[in-house]
Amino acid sequence: MLSEKITNDIKTAMKAKDEAQVSALRLLQSALKNKRIEVQHDLSDDEVIKVVQTLVKQYKDGVEDFKKGN
């Protein structure tokens, strides 16, 4: 499952001391945990993808707002 791959990727990034990747993956893992609590069941791969898409959209919107504000 994708959530297991994310957990493994966090471990790999920690071993490689890639703080940016660890931070991003932990943020994703946190969002997935919140969604899991909300729906009260383990997330399917499709649900994980929807959470990722939501986060990507939020950050793109944030970058656009930042650019607009100079």
C-alpha atoms as a PDB file:
ATOM      1  CA  MET A   1       0.000   0.000   0.000  1.00  0.00           C
ATOM      2  CA  LEU A   2       1.035   3.565  -0.543  1.00  0.00           C
ATOM      3  CA  SER A   3       0.912   4.499   3.141  1.00  0.00           C
ATOM      4  CA  GLU A   4       3.450   1.757   3.901  1.00  0.00           C
ATOM      5  CA  LYS A   5       5.691   3.020   1.101  1.00  0.00           C
ATOM      6  CA  ILE A   6       5.539   6.523   2.573  1.00  0.00           C
ATOM      7  CA  THR A   7       6.625   5.165   5.963  1.00  0.00           C
ATOM      8  CA  ASN A   8       9.525   3.318   4.333  1.00  0.00           C
ATOM      9  CA  ASP A   9      10.482   6.431   2.368  1.00  0.00           C
ATOM     10  CA  ILE A  10      10.620   8.402   5.628  1.00  0.00           C
ATOM     11  CA  LYS A  11      13.036   5.854   7.084  1.00  0.00           C
ATOM     12  CA  THR A  12      15.186   5.974   3.961  1.00  0.00           C
ATOM     13  CA  ALA A  13      15.254   9.783   3.947  1.00  0.00           C
ATOM     14  CA  MET A  14      16.167   9.844   7.643  1.00  0.00           C
ATOM     15  CA  LYS A  15      19.093   7.506   7.015  1.00  0.00           C
ATOM     16  CA  ALA A  16      20.202   9.715   4.124  1.00  0.00           C
ATOM     17  CA  LYS A  17      19.821  12.804   6.357  1.00  0.00           C
ATOM     18  CA  ASP A  18      17.584  14.470   3.761  1.00  0.00           C
ATOM     19  CA  GLU A  19      15.715  16.831   6.099  1.00  0.00           C
ATOM     20  CA  ALA A  20      13.568  18.425   3.379  1.00  0.00           C
ATOM     21  CA  GLN A  21      12.268  15.071   2.212  1.00  0.00           C
ATOM     22  CA  VAL A  22      11.710  13.866   5.784  1.00  0.00           C
ATOM     23  CA  SER A  23       9.752  17.020   6.553  1.00  0.00           C
ATOM     24  CA  ALA A  24       7.561  16.729   3.454  1.00  0.00           C
ATOM     25  CA  LEU A  25       6.864  13.040   4.018  1.00  0.00           C
ATOM     26  CA  ARG A  26       6.024  13.588   7.682  1.00  0.00           C
ATOM     27  CA  LEU A  27       3.591  16.313   6.676  1.00  0.00           C
ATOM     28  CA  LEU A  28       1.982  13.879   4.243  1.00  0.00           C
ATOM     29  CA  GLN A  29       1.904  11.135   6.846  1.00  0.00           C
ATOM     30  CA  SER A  30       0.204  13.497   9.290  1.00  0.00           C
ATOM     31  CA  ALA A  31      -2.454  14.429   6.718  1.00  0.00           C
ATOM     32  CA  LEU A  32      -3.066  10.744   6.043  1.00  0.00           C
ATOM     33  CA  LYS A  33      -3.428  10.036   9.753  1.00  0.00           C
ATOM     34  CA  ASN A  34      -5.942  12.865  10.106  1.00  0.00           C
ATOM     35  CA  LYS A  35      -7.941  11.518   7.157  1.00  0.00           C
ATOM     36  CA  ARG A  36      -7.818   7.998   8.626  1.00  0.00           C
ATOM     37  CA  ILE A  37      -9.236   9.339  11.896  1.00  0.00           C
ATOM     38  CA  GLU A  38     -11.919  11.254   9.987  1.00  0.00           C
ATOM     39  CA  VAL A  39     -13.166   8.256   7.972  1.00  0.00           C
ATOM     40  CA  GLN A  40     -12.448   5.725  10.750  1.00  0.00           C
ATOM     41  CA  HIS A  41     -10.928   3.025   8.548  1.00  0.00           C
ATOM     42  CA  ASP A  42      -7.630   2.297   6.841  1.00  0.00           C
ATOM     43  CA  LEU A  43      -7.201   4.312   3.679  1.00  0.00           C
ATOM     44  CA  SER A  44      -7.196   2.671   0.269  1.00  0.00           C
ATOM     45  CA  ASP A  45      -4.591   3.695  -2.296  1.00  0.00           C
ATOM     46  CA  ASP A  46      -7.228   5.832  -4.061  1.00  0.00           C
ATOM     47  CA  GLU A  47      -7.966   7.693  -0.826  1.00  0.00           C
ATOM     48  CA  VAL A  48      -4.246   8.239  -0.231  1.00  0.00           C
ATOM     49  CA  ILE A  49      -3.902   9.679  -3.730  1.00  0.00           C
ATOM     50  CA  LYS A  50      -6.820  12.053  -3.097  1.00  0.00           C
ATOM     51  CA  VAL A  51      -5.143  13.304   0.094  1.00  0.00           C
ATOM     52  CA  VAL A  52      -1.886  13.870  -1.825  1.00  0.00           C
ATOM     53  CA  GLN A  53      -3.745  15.743  -4.563  1.00  0.00           C
ATOM     54  CA  THR A  54      -5.429  17.936  -1.945  1.00  0.00           C
ATOM     55  CA  LEU A  55      -2.079  18.804  -0.337  1.00  0.00           C
ATOM     56  CA  VAL A  56      -0.507  19.588  -3.711  1.00  0.00           C
ATOM     57  CA  LYS A  57      -3.407  21.897  -4.598  1.00  0.00           C
ATOM     58  CA  GLN A  58      -3.135  23.664  -1.229  1.00  0.00           C
ATOM     59  CA  TYR A  59       0.573  24.300  -1.678  1.00  0.00           C
ATOM     60  CA  LYS A  60       0.199  25.467  -5.277  1.00  0.00           C
ATOM     61  CA  ASP A  61      -2.485  27.913  -4.148  1.00  0.00           C
ATOM     62  CA  GLY A  62      -0.206  29.068  -1.343  1.00  0.00           C
ATOM     63  CA  VAL A  63       2.672  29.697  -3.749  1.00  0.00           C
ATOM     64  CA  GLU A  64       0.372  31.672  -6.057  1.00  0.00           C
ATOM     65  CA  ASP A  65      -0.896  33.769  -3.135  1.00  0.00           C
ATOM     66  CA  PHE A  66       2.668  34.406  -2.019  1.00  0.00           C
ATOM     67  CA  LYS A  67       3.651  35.543  -5.517  1.00  0.00           C
ATOM     68  CA  LYS A  68       0.637  37.845  -5.703  1.00  0.00           C
ATOM     69  CA  GLY A  69       1.589  39.443  -2.416  1.00  0.00           C
ATOM     70  CA  ASN A  70       5.184  40.007  -3.567  1.00  0.00           C
END
